Amino acid sequence: MKAYHIDRFGSIGGIVRRSSEDPLPGPKDVLVRVRASSLNYRDLMVLKGGGRGPTKPGVIPLSDGAGEVAAIGDEVTRVKVGDRIAGCFHPRWFGGPIKPDYLTDRLGANLDGMLAEYAVLSEEALVNVPSHLSFEEAATLPCAAVTAWVALTGHRRHGPDPWFWGCVGLCPATR
């Protein structure tokens, strides 16, 4: 597998490409063949060594991406090989007000992100991509859609299942 890693924080010059063995999913994990990823402001903050929460050198950057399920762990029940999915950039936040401990695990900061040929995600940290969206379109939703929703609603829920809660996996009703 080819992937980019942040060897040092500060600028784009700290990102290097490496080859490694393809990762394997754990019992409740999904191996995703990444078909598209997107860059957002949060990723630039992480690259500079900042952002809200922990970062680690060597991490694969980018929180947002979409692809298809290439393999699943033995205990995975939510998706099957071939499904189109997008990752959730806060993999432990499933709905409701965000709590500080939800921010301790962050794709592309202290957990490997989506700037790779393959990514391993928890089955709880991904959502199915609607068939009308391309991988490129779906890859732009996880961070940007949540930012837009918060800007519009001020963290207030408006109905049981706005269309993109299902896209970014934040509504408990979609789980």
Protein backbone atom coordinates (compact mmCIF):
# COMPACT_ATOMS: atom_id res chain seq x y z
CA MET A 1 0.00 0.00 0.00
CA LYS A 2 1.13 3.52 -0.72
CA ALA A 3 0.27 6.23 1.78
CA TYR A 4 1.39 9.70 2.80
CA HIS A 5 2.56 10.30 6.36
CA ILE A 6 3.26 13.41 8.42
CA ASP A 7 6.91 12.97 9.40
CA ARG A 8 7.14 16.43 10.91
CA PHE A 9 4.59 19.13 11.61
CA GLY A 10 4.79 22.68 10.34
CA SER A 11 4.35 22.63 6.56
CA ILE A 12 3.53 20.47 3.57
CA GLY A 13 7.26 19.68 3.37
CA GLY A 14 6.76 17.39 6.36
CA ILE A 15 4.59 14.96 4.37
CA VAL A 16 6.32 11.93 2.83
CA ARG A 17 5.06 9.00 0.75
CA ARG A 18 5.79 5.48 1.94
CA SER A 19 4.99 1.96 0.85
CA SER A 20 3.95 -0.73 3.31
CA GLU A 21 2.01 -3.96 3.53
CA ASP A 22 -1.74 -3.61 3.01
CA PRO A 23 -3.42 -3.25 6.42
CA LEU A 24 -5.74 -5.94 7.74
CA PRO A 25 -9.02 -5.25 9.53
CA GLY A 26 -9.48 -6.31 13.14
CA PRO A 27 -12.62 -8.18 14.26
CA LYS A 28 -14.88 -5.06 14.24
CA ASP A 29 -12.96 -3.15 11.56
CA VAL A 30 -13.47 -2.50 7.85
CA LEU A 31 -10.72 -2.25 5.24
CA VAL A 32 -11.66 0.53 2.83
CA ARG A 33 -10.18 0.97 -0.63
CA VAL A 34 -10.02 4.77 -0.66
CA ARG A 35 -11.39 6.12 -3.93
CA ALA A 36 -11.42 9.85 -3.05
CA SER A 37 -10.27 12.04 -0.20
CA SER A 38 -10.66 15.73 0.44
CA LEU A 39 -8.63 18.41 2.15
CA ASN A 40 -10.23 20.84 4.56
CA TYR A 41 -9.07 23.57 6.90
CA ARG A 42 -8.95 21.17 9.84
CA ASP A 43 -6.34 19.09 8.00
CA LEU A 44 -4.19 22.18 7.51
CA MET A 45 -4.41 22.92 11.25
CA VAL A 46 -3.28 19.36 12.01
CA LEU A 47 -0.39 19.64 9.55
CA LYS A 48 0.79 22.77 11.34
CA GLY A 49 0.76 20.78 14.59
CA GLY A 50 -2.40 22.27 15.97
CA GLY A 51 -6.07 21.63 15.92
CA ARG A 52 -8.29 20.60 18.77
CA GLY A 53 -6.81 17.46 20.21
CA PRO A 54 -3.86 15.13 20.03
CA THR A 55 -1.66 14.60 16.99
CA LYS A 56 1.16 12.14 16.39
CA PRO A 57 4.10 12.08 13.99
CA GLY A 58 3.90 9.40 11.31
CA VAL A 59 0.12 9.55 11.03
CA ILE A 60 -1.59 9.32 7.64
CA PRO A 61 -3.29 12.72 7.15
CA LEU A 62 -6.78 13.76 6.00
CA SER A 63 -9.93 13.13 7.95
CA ASP A 64 -12.33 12.96 5.02
CA GLY A 65 -12.58 10.24 2.41
CA ALA A 66 -14.85 7.75 0.69
CA GLY A 67 -14.35 4.39 -0.93
CA GLU A 68 -15.52 0.83 -1.12
CA VAL A 69 -15.32 -1.94 1.45
CA ALA A 70 -12.46 -4.28 0.46
CA ALA A 71 -12.57 -6.62 3.48
CA ILE A 72 -14.33 -6.88 6.83
CA GLY A 73 -13.47 -8.31 10.23
CA ASP A 74 -15.19 -11.44 11.51
CA GLU A 75 -17.59 -9.52 13.77
CA VAL A 76 -18.64 -6.77 11.32
CA THR A 77 -22.39 -6.63 10.68
CA ARG A 78 -23.10 -3.11 9.36
CA VAL A 79 -21.47 -3.36 5.91
CA LYS A 80 -20.37 -5.94 3.37
CA VAL A 81 -17.56 -6.16 0.82
CA GLY A 82 -18.32 -3.83 -2.11
CA ASP A 83 -20.42 -1.32 -0.14
CA ARG A 84 -19.70 2.36 -0.78
CA ILE A 85 -18.82 4.15 2.46
CA ALA A 86 -17.45 7.37 3.92
CA GLY A 87 -15.57 7.69 7.18
CA CYS A 88 -16.50 9.86 10.16
CA PHE A 89 -13.79 12.26 11.25
CA HIS A 90 -14.76 11.97 14.94
CA PRO A 91 -15.06 8.17 15.06
CA ARG A 92 -16.45 8.04 18.62
CA TRP A 93 -19.15 10.74 18.25
CA PHE A 94 -22.41 9.05 17.31
CA GLY A 95 -24.87 11.85 18.09
CA GLY A 96 -25.96 14.45 20.57
CA PRO A 97 -23.80 17.19 22.02
CA ILE A 98 -20.09 16.56 21.54
CA LYS A 99 -18.18 15.65 24.69
CA PRO A 100 -14.46 16.26 25.26
CA ASP A 101 -13.59 12.55 25.29
CA TYR A 102 -15.07 12.20 21.77
CA LEU A 103 -12.22 14.40 20.54
CA THR A 104 -9.41 12.14 21.75
CA ASP A 105 -9.51 9.99 18.59
CA ARG A 106 -9.33 11.93 15.33
CA LEU A 107 -8.79 10.62 11.81
CA GLY A 108 -5.77 12.19 10.19
CA ALA A 109 -4.40 13.53 13.51
CA ASN A 110 -3.73 10.72 15.98
CA LEU A 111 -5.49 7.96 13.99
CA ASP A 112 -4.45 7.17 10.42
CA GLY A 113 -6.58 9.08 7.95
CA MET A 114 -7.62 8.83 4.31
CA LEU A 115 -4.56 9.91 2.26
CA ALA A 116 -3.73 6.29 1.42
CA GLU A 117 -4.76 3.53 -0.92
CA TYR A 118 -6.44 1.71 1.99
CA ALA A 119 -7.77 2.76 5.39
CA VAL A 120 -8.93 0.68 8.33
CA LEU A 121 -12.00 2.07 10.09
CA SER A 122 -14.18 0.81 12.90
CA GLU A 123 -17.52 -0.35 11.56
CA GLU A 124 -19.07 2.22 13.93
CA ALA A 125 -17.07 5.05 12.31
CA LEU A 126 -18.43 4.93 8.78
CA VAL A 127 -21.66 5.39 6.90
CA ASN A 128 -23.04 4.17 3.60
CA VAL A 129 -22.74 6.58 0.70
CA PRO A 130 -26.02 7.24 -1.17
CA SER A 131 -25.93 5.93 -4.75
CA HIS A 132 -26.54 9.39 -6.23
CA LEU A 133 -23.22 10.73 -4.86
CA SER A 134 -19.85 10.14 -6.50
CA PHE A 135 -16.91 9.13 -4.31
CA GLU A 136 -15.53 12.65 -4.78
CA GLU A 137 -18.77 14.24 -3.58
CA ALA A 138 -19.05 11.87 -0.62
CA ALA A 139 -15.43 12.54 0.39
CA THR A 140 -16.24 16.22 0.92
CA LEU A 141 -19.12 15.62 3.35
CA PRO A 142 -17.81 14.39 6.71
CA CYS A 143 -16.21 17.61 7.97
CA ALA A 144 -17.81 20.19 5.68
CA ALA A 145 -21.37 18.93 6.09
CA VAL A 146 -21.12 18.91 9.87
CA THR A 147 -19.62 22.42 9.82
CA ALA A 148 -22.46 23.64 7.59
CA TRP A 149 -25.10 21.96 9.74
CA VAL A 150 -23.73 23.49 12.94
CA ALA A 151 -23.57 26.90 11.27
CA LEU A 152 -27.22 26.60 10.25
CA THR A 153 -28.61 25.09 13.43
CA GLY A 154 -26.34 26.15 16.26
CA HIS A 155 -26.20 22.50 17.44
CA ARG A 156 -30.01 22.21 17.63
CA ARG A 157 -31.65 19.06 16.23
CA HIS A 158 -34.29 19.79 13.57
CA GLY A 159 -36.29 16.66 12.98
CA PRO A 160 -35.38 13.03 13.39
CA ASP A 161 -33.14 12.49 10.37
CA PRO A 162 -31.97 15.39 8.20
CA TRP A 163 -30.57 13.88 4.99
CA PHE A 164 -26.91 14.33 5.71
CA TRP A 165 -26.96 13.05 9.30
CA GLY A 166 -27.17 9.72 7.50
CA CYS A 167 -24.25 10.73 5.28
CA VAL A 168 -21.91 11.59 8.12
CA GLY A 169 -23.15 9.09 10.68
CA LEU A 170 -23.93 11.43 13.54
CA CYS A 171 -27.56 10.61 14.16
CA PRO A 172 -28.18 7.65 16.52
CA ALA A 173 -31.36 6.91 14.52
CA THR A 174 -29.20 5.93 11.53
CA ARG A 175 -27.14 3.41 13.49
